[in-house]
C-alpha cells in the first residue's frame, strides 16, 4: 500500500473521477488498515470510498486554482501503472474464461 496520497488539485487536465476514487480508496485503506477488501469489509469500504470521493470532488471544485501544478504525477497517469492494470485485467479475464470453459487451473 502506498504511503502517500497524490495531490490532485491543479492537475492539467483536471483530476478524473477515477483518480479521485483511487485516492479516496487509498485513504480508506490507510486509515482502516484494510489492504485487501473481503466480503466482510467490502460494503463499508465501498461506502466510505464513495463518500470521501464525493467530498474530495466538491472540495477540488471549491478551491481556487493552484499557481503551480503538483510536483508528482498521479499513479493512474503513469505508464508503468497503466501497464500493470492492463496486465491484471488480462489475467483476470483469462482466469474467468478458464472457469467458463471448465479448464482445470490453480488459484
N, C-alpha and C. Protein backbone atom coordinates (compact mmCIF):
# COMPACT_ATOMS: atom_id res chain seq x y z
N UNK A 1 0.85 -1.17 0.00
CA UNK A 1 0.00 0.00 0.00
C UNK A 1 0.90 1.23 0.00
N UNK A 2 0.54 2.22 -0.79
CA UNK A 2 1.31 3.45 -0.87
C UNK A 2 1.26 4.22 0.44
N UNK A 3 2.30 4.90 0.75
CA UNK A 3 2.35 5.71 1.97
C UNK A 3 1.84 7.11 1.73
N UNK A 4 1.86 7.56 0.49
CA UNK A 4 1.46 8.93 0.19
C UNK A 4 0.25 8.96 -0.73
N UNK A 5 -0.61 9.91 -0.46
CA UNK A 5 -1.74 10.13 -1.36
C UNK A 5 -1.34 11.27 -2.27
N UNK A 6 -1.51 11.08 -3.57
CA UNK A 6 -1.07 12.04 -4.57
C UNK A 6 -1.93 13.30 -4.55
N UNK A 7 -1.30 14.44 -4.75
CA UNK A 7 -2.02 15.70 -4.86
C UNK A 7 -2.79 15.74 -6.17
N UNK A 8 -4.09 16.01 -6.09
CA UNK A 8 -4.93 16.04 -7.27
C UNK A 8 -5.28 17.47 -7.70
N UNK A 9 -5.17 18.41 -6.79
CA UNK A 9 -5.50 19.79 -7.11
C UNK A 9 -4.45 20.39 -8.03
N UNK A 10 -4.91 21.01 -9.11
CA UNK A 10 -4.01 21.70 -10.02
C UNK A 10 -3.51 20.85 -11.17
N UNK A 11 -4.03 19.65 -11.32
CA UNK A 11 -3.60 18.80 -12.44
C UNK A 11 -4.13 19.36 -13.75
N UNK A 12 -3.37 19.16 -14.80
CA UNK A 12 -3.80 19.51 -16.16
C UNK A 12 -3.65 18.29 -17.03
N UNK A 13 -4.72 17.72 -17.55
CA UNK A 13 -6.11 18.10 -17.31
C UNK A 13 -6.50 17.77 -15.87
N UNK A 14 -7.64 18.30 -15.46
CA UNK A 14 -8.11 18.15 -14.08
C UNK A 14 -8.23 16.67 -13.70
N UNK A 15 -8.18 16.42 -12.40
CA UNK A 15 -8.31 15.05 -11.89
C UNK A 15 -9.62 14.43 -12.37
N UNK A 16 -9.52 13.18 -12.77
CA UNK A 16 -10.71 12.46 -13.24
C UNK A 16 -11.43 11.83 -12.05
N UNK A 17 -12.67 11.40 -12.29
CA UNK A 17 -13.42 10.69 -11.25
C UNK A 17 -12.67 9.44 -10.81
N UNK A 18 -12.04 8.76 -11.76
CA UNK A 18 -11.29 7.54 -11.45
C UNK A 18 -10.10 7.86 -10.52
N UNK A 19 -9.40 8.96 -10.79
CA UNK A 19 -8.26 9.35 -9.95
C UNK A 19 -8.73 9.75 -8.55
N UNK A 20 -9.84 10.45 -8.48
CA UNK A 20 -10.38 10.86 -7.18
C UNK A 20 -10.81 9.64 -6.38
N UNK A 21 -11.48 8.70 -7.03
CA UNK A 21 -11.92 7.47 -6.35
C UNK A 21 -10.72 6.65 -5.89
N UNK A 22 -9.67 6.58 -6.72
CA UNK A 22 -8.47 5.83 -6.34
C UNK A 22 -7.82 6.46 -5.11
N UNK A 23 -7.76 7.79 -5.06
CA UNK A 23 -7.18 8.47 -3.89
C UNK A 23 -8.05 8.24 -2.66
N UNK A 24 -9.37 8.26 -2.83
CA UNK A 24 -10.28 8.02 -1.71
C UNK A 24 -10.10 6.60 -1.18
N UNK A 25 -10.01 5.63 -2.07
CA UNK A 25 -9.80 4.24 -1.66
C UNK A 25 -8.45 4.09 -0.94
N UNK A 26 -7.43 4.75 -1.45
CA UNK A 26 -6.12 4.70 -0.81
C UNK A 26 -6.20 5.26 0.61
N UNK A 27 -6.93 6.36 0.78
CA UNK A 27 -7.12 6.95 2.10
C UNK A 27 -7.85 5.98 3.03
N UNK A 28 -8.94 5.40 2.54
CA UNK A 28 -9.73 4.46 3.35
C UNK A 28 -8.88 3.27 3.76
N UNK A 29 -8.12 2.72 2.84
CA UNK A 29 -7.25 1.58 3.17
C UNK A 29 -6.22 1.96 4.21
N UNK A 30 -5.66 3.17 4.08
CA UNK A 30 -4.63 3.60 5.02
C UNK A 30 -5.18 3.76 6.42
N UNK A 31 -6.31 4.46 6.56
CA UNK A 31 -6.83 4.73 7.91
C UNK A 31 -7.46 3.50 8.56
N UNK A 32 -7.91 2.52 7.76
CA UNK A 32 -8.54 1.33 8.33
C UNK A 32 -7.57 0.17 8.48
N UNK A 33 -6.49 0.18 7.73
CA UNK A 33 -5.57 -0.95 7.74
C UNK A 33 -6.05 -2.10 6.87
N UNK A 34 -7.14 -1.88 6.11
CA UNK A 34 -7.66 -2.91 5.22
C UNK A 34 -6.85 -2.84 3.92
N UNK A 35 -5.99 -3.82 3.70
CA UNK A 35 -5.17 -3.81 2.49
C UNK A 35 -5.82 -4.57 1.35
N UNK A 36 -6.66 -5.55 1.69
CA UNK A 36 -7.36 -6.31 0.68
C UNK A 36 -8.82 -6.41 1.10
N UNK A 37 -9.71 -5.96 0.23
CA UNK A 37 -11.14 -5.95 0.55
C UNK A 37 -11.67 -7.38 0.53
N UNK A 38 -12.39 -7.74 1.59
CA UNK A 38 -13.01 -9.07 1.69
C UNK A 38 -14.52 -8.89 1.71
N UNK A 39 -15.24 -10.00 1.76
CA UNK A 39 -16.70 -9.93 1.85
C UNK A 39 -17.13 -9.17 3.11
N UNK A 40 -16.38 -9.33 4.18
CA UNK A 40 -16.73 -8.68 5.45
C UNK A 40 -16.48 -7.17 5.43
N UNK A 41 -15.53 -6.73 4.62
CA UNK A 41 -15.17 -5.30 4.61
C UNK A 41 -15.67 -4.56 3.37
N UNK A 42 -16.13 -5.30 2.37
CA UNK A 42 -16.49 -4.69 1.08
C UNK A 42 -17.48 -3.53 1.20
N UNK A 43 -18.64 -3.76 1.81
CA UNK A 43 -19.68 -2.72 1.88
C UNK A 43 -19.21 -1.45 2.60
N UNK A 44 -18.66 -1.56 3.81
CA UNK A 44 -18.24 -0.33 4.48
C UNK A 44 -17.10 0.40 3.74
N UNK A 45 -16.18 -0.36 3.17
CA UNK A 45 -15.06 0.26 2.43
C UNK A 45 -15.59 0.97 1.19
N UNK A 46 -16.46 0.32 0.44
CA UNK A 46 -17.01 0.93 -0.78
C UNK A 46 -17.84 2.17 -0.44
N UNK A 47 -18.63 2.09 0.63
CA UNK A 47 -19.46 3.22 1.03
C UNK A 47 -18.58 4.41 1.45
N UNK A 48 -17.57 4.15 2.26
CA UNK A 48 -16.67 5.21 2.72
C UNK A 48 -15.90 5.81 1.54
N UNK A 49 -15.44 4.96 0.63
CA UNK A 49 -14.71 5.44 -0.54
C UNK A 49 -15.59 6.36 -1.37
N UNK A 50 -16.83 5.98 -1.58
CA UNK A 50 -17.76 6.80 -2.37
C UNK A 50 -18.01 8.15 -1.69
N UNK A 51 -18.24 8.12 -0.38
CA UNK A 51 -18.49 9.36 0.36
C UNK A 51 -17.28 10.28 0.31
N UNK A 52 -16.10 9.73 0.52
CA UNK A 52 -14.88 10.53 0.50
C UNK A 52 -14.63 11.08 -0.90
N UNK A 53 -14.85 10.28 -1.92
CA UNK A 53 -14.68 10.76 -3.30
C UNK A 53 -15.62 11.92 -3.59
N UNK A 54 -16.86 11.84 -3.11
CA UNK A 54 -17.80 12.95 -3.29
C UNK A 54 -17.31 14.22 -2.59
N UNK A 55 -16.81 14.06 -1.38
CA UNK A 55 -16.29 15.20 -0.61
C UNK A 55 -15.09 15.81 -1.33
N UNK A 56 -14.18 14.98 -1.80
CA UNK A 56 -12.98 15.47 -2.48
C UNK A 56 -13.35 16.19 -3.78
N UNK A 57 -14.32 15.65 -4.51
CA UNK A 57 -14.76 16.29 -5.75
C UNK A 57 -15.29 17.70 -5.45
N UNK A 58 -16.14 17.82 -4.43
CA UNK A 58 -16.66 19.14 -4.06
C UNK A 58 -15.54 20.06 -3.61
N UNK A 59 -14.63 19.54 -2.81
CA UNK A 59 -13.52 20.33 -2.32
C UNK A 59 -12.66 20.87 -3.46
N UNK A 60 -12.31 20.00 -4.41
CA UNK A 60 -11.49 20.44 -5.54
C UNK A 60 -12.21 21.49 -6.38
N UNK A 61 -13.53 21.35 -6.50
CA UNK A 61 -14.33 22.33 -7.24
C UNK A 61 -14.36 23.69 -6.54
N UNK A 62 -14.34 23.69 -5.21
CA UNK A 62 -14.48 24.92 -4.44
C UNK A 62 -13.16 25.66 -4.21
N UNK A 63 -12.04 24.96 -4.26
CA UNK A 63 -10.75 25.60 -4.01
C UNK A 63 -10.31 26.44 -5.19
N UNK A 64 -9.56 27.52 -4.93
CA UNK A 64 -9.02 28.31 -6.04
C UNK A 64 -7.97 27.51 -6.80
N UNK A 65 -7.70 27.91 -8.02
CA UNK A 65 -6.68 27.21 -8.82
C UNK A 65 -5.31 27.38 -8.19
N UNK A 66 -4.48 26.41 -8.43
CA UNK A 66 -3.10 26.46 -7.93
C UNK A 66 -2.25 27.32 -8.86
N UNK A 67 -1.22 27.92 -8.31
CA UNK A 67 -0.28 28.70 -9.14
C UNK A 67 0.70 27.78 -9.86
N UNK A 68 1.01 26.67 -9.23
CA UNK A 68 1.93 25.68 -9.78
C UNK A 68 1.25 24.33 -9.80
N UNK A 69 1.50 23.52 -10.83
CA UNK A 69 0.94 22.16 -10.82
C UNK A 69 1.64 21.32 -9.76
N UNK A 70 1.02 20.21 -9.34
CA UNK A 70 1.68 19.33 -8.36
C UNK A 70 3.01 18.82 -8.91
N UNK A 71 3.93 18.53 -7.99
CA UNK A 71 5.27 18.06 -8.39
C UNK A 71 5.27 16.60 -8.82
N UNK A 72 4.30 15.84 -8.37
CA UNK A 72 4.26 14.41 -8.70
C UNK A 72 3.11 14.11 -9.65
N UNK A 73 3.30 13.09 -10.45
CA UNK A 73 2.27 12.64 -11.38
C UNK A 73 1.43 11.58 -10.69
N UNK A 74 0.09 11.72 -10.72
CA UNK A 74 -0.75 10.70 -10.08
C UNK A 74 -0.49 9.33 -10.68
N UNK A 75 -0.59 8.28 -9.86
CA UNK A 75 -0.30 6.93 -10.35
C UNK A 75 -1.08 6.54 -11.61
N UNK A 76 -2.35 6.89 -11.68
CA UNK A 76 -3.14 6.48 -12.84
C UNK A 76 -2.72 7.16 -14.14
N UNK A 77 -1.83 8.15 -14.04
CA UNK A 77 -1.30 8.81 -15.24
C UNK A 77 0.09 8.30 -15.62
N UNK A 78 0.61 7.35 -14.86
CA UNK A 78 1.94 6.80 -15.13
C UNK A 78 1.83 5.56 -16.02
N UNK A 79 2.65 5.50 -17.02
CA UNK A 79 2.61 4.40 -17.99
C UNK A 79 2.80 3.04 -17.33
N UNK A 80 3.73 2.96 -16.38
CA UNK A 80 4.01 1.66 -15.75
C UNK A 80 2.81 1.18 -14.93
N UNK A 81 2.08 2.10 -14.33
CA UNK A 81 0.88 1.72 -13.56
C UNK A 81 -0.21 1.26 -14.52
N UNK A 82 -0.40 1.98 -15.62
CA UNK A 82 -1.40 1.59 -16.61
C UNK A 82 -1.08 0.20 -17.17
N UNK A 83 0.21 -0.09 -17.38
CA UNK A 83 0.61 -1.41 -17.88
C UNK A 83 0.28 -2.51 -16.86
N UNK A 84 0.53 -2.25 -15.56
CA UNK A 84 0.20 -3.23 -14.53
C UNK A 84 -1.31 -3.46 -14.45
N UNK A 85 -2.09 -2.39 -14.55
CA UNK A 85 -3.54 -2.52 -14.52
C UNK A 85 -4.02 -3.35 -15.71
N UNK A 86 -3.50 -3.05 -16.89
CA UNK A 86 -3.90 -3.79 -18.09
C UNK A 86 -3.54 -5.27 -17.95
N UNK A 87 -2.37 -5.57 -17.39
CA UNK A 87 -1.95 -6.96 -17.20
C UNK A 87 -2.88 -7.68 -16.22
N UNK A 88 -3.25 -7.01 -15.11
CA UNK A 88 -4.17 -7.62 -14.15
C UNK A 88 -5.52 -7.90 -14.78
N UNK A 89 -6.01 -6.97 -15.57
CA UNK A 89 -7.31 -7.16 -16.24
C UNK A 89 -7.23 -8.34 -17.19
N UNK A 90 -6.14 -8.43 -17.95
CA UNK A 90 -5.96 -9.53 -18.89
C UNK A 90 -5.92 -10.87 -18.15
N UNK A 91 -5.17 -10.93 -17.06
CA UNK A 91 -5.07 -12.17 -16.28
C UNK A 91 -6.42 -12.54 -15.67
N UNK A 92 -7.16 -11.55 -15.17
CA UNK A 92 -8.47 -11.82 -14.58
C UNK A 92 -9.44 -12.36 -15.63
N UNK A 93 -9.42 -11.74 -16.82
CA UNK A 93 -10.30 -12.20 -17.91
C UNK A 93 -9.95 -13.62 -18.33
N UNK A 94 -8.65 -13.91 -18.42
CA UNK A 94 -8.21 -15.25 -18.79
C UNK A 94 -8.63 -16.27 -17.73
N UNK A 95 -8.51 -15.89 -16.46
CA UNK A 95 -8.90 -16.76 -15.36
C UNK A 95 -10.41 -17.06 -15.43
N UNK A 96 -11.21 -16.01 -15.64
CA UNK A 96 -12.66 -16.20 -15.74
C UNK A 96 -13.02 -17.07 -16.94
N UNK A 97 -12.28 -16.90 -18.03
CA UNK A 97 -12.53 -17.71 -19.23
C UNK A 97 -12.26 -19.18 -18.95
N UNK A 98 -11.20 -19.46 -18.18
CA UNK A 98 -10.89 -20.85 -17.82
C UNK A 98 -12.02 -21.44 -16.98
N UNK A 99 -12.58 -20.66 -16.09
CA UNK A 99 -13.73 -21.12 -15.30
C UNK A 99 -14.91 -21.44 -16.21
N UNK A 100 -15.20 -20.54 -17.13
CA UNK A 100 -16.33 -20.73 -18.04
C UNK A 100 -16.18 -21.98 -18.89
N UNK A 101 -14.93 -22.26 -19.30
CA UNK A 101 -14.68 -23.41 -20.15
C UNK A 101 -14.46 -24.70 -19.34
N UNK A 102 -14.40 -24.58 -18.03
CA UNK A 102 -14.19 -25.75 -17.17
C UNK A 102 -12.79 -26.28 -17.23
N UNK A 103 -11.83 -25.44 -17.55
CA UNK A 103 -10.43 -25.86 -17.64
C UNK A 103 -9.81 -25.83 -16.24
N UNK A 104 -9.15 -26.94 -15.87
CA UNK A 104 -8.51 -27.03 -14.57
C UNK A 104 -7.35 -26.02 -14.51
N UNK A 105 -7.23 -25.37 -13.37
CA UNK A 105 -6.16 -24.40 -13.19
C UNK A 105 -5.97 -24.17 -11.68
N UNK A 106 -4.90 -23.47 -11.34
CA UNK A 106 -4.62 -23.20 -9.92
C UNK A 106 -5.11 -21.80 -9.56
N UNK A 107 -5.31 -21.60 -8.27
CA UNK A 107 -5.74 -20.28 -7.77
C UNK A 107 -4.67 -19.68 -6.94
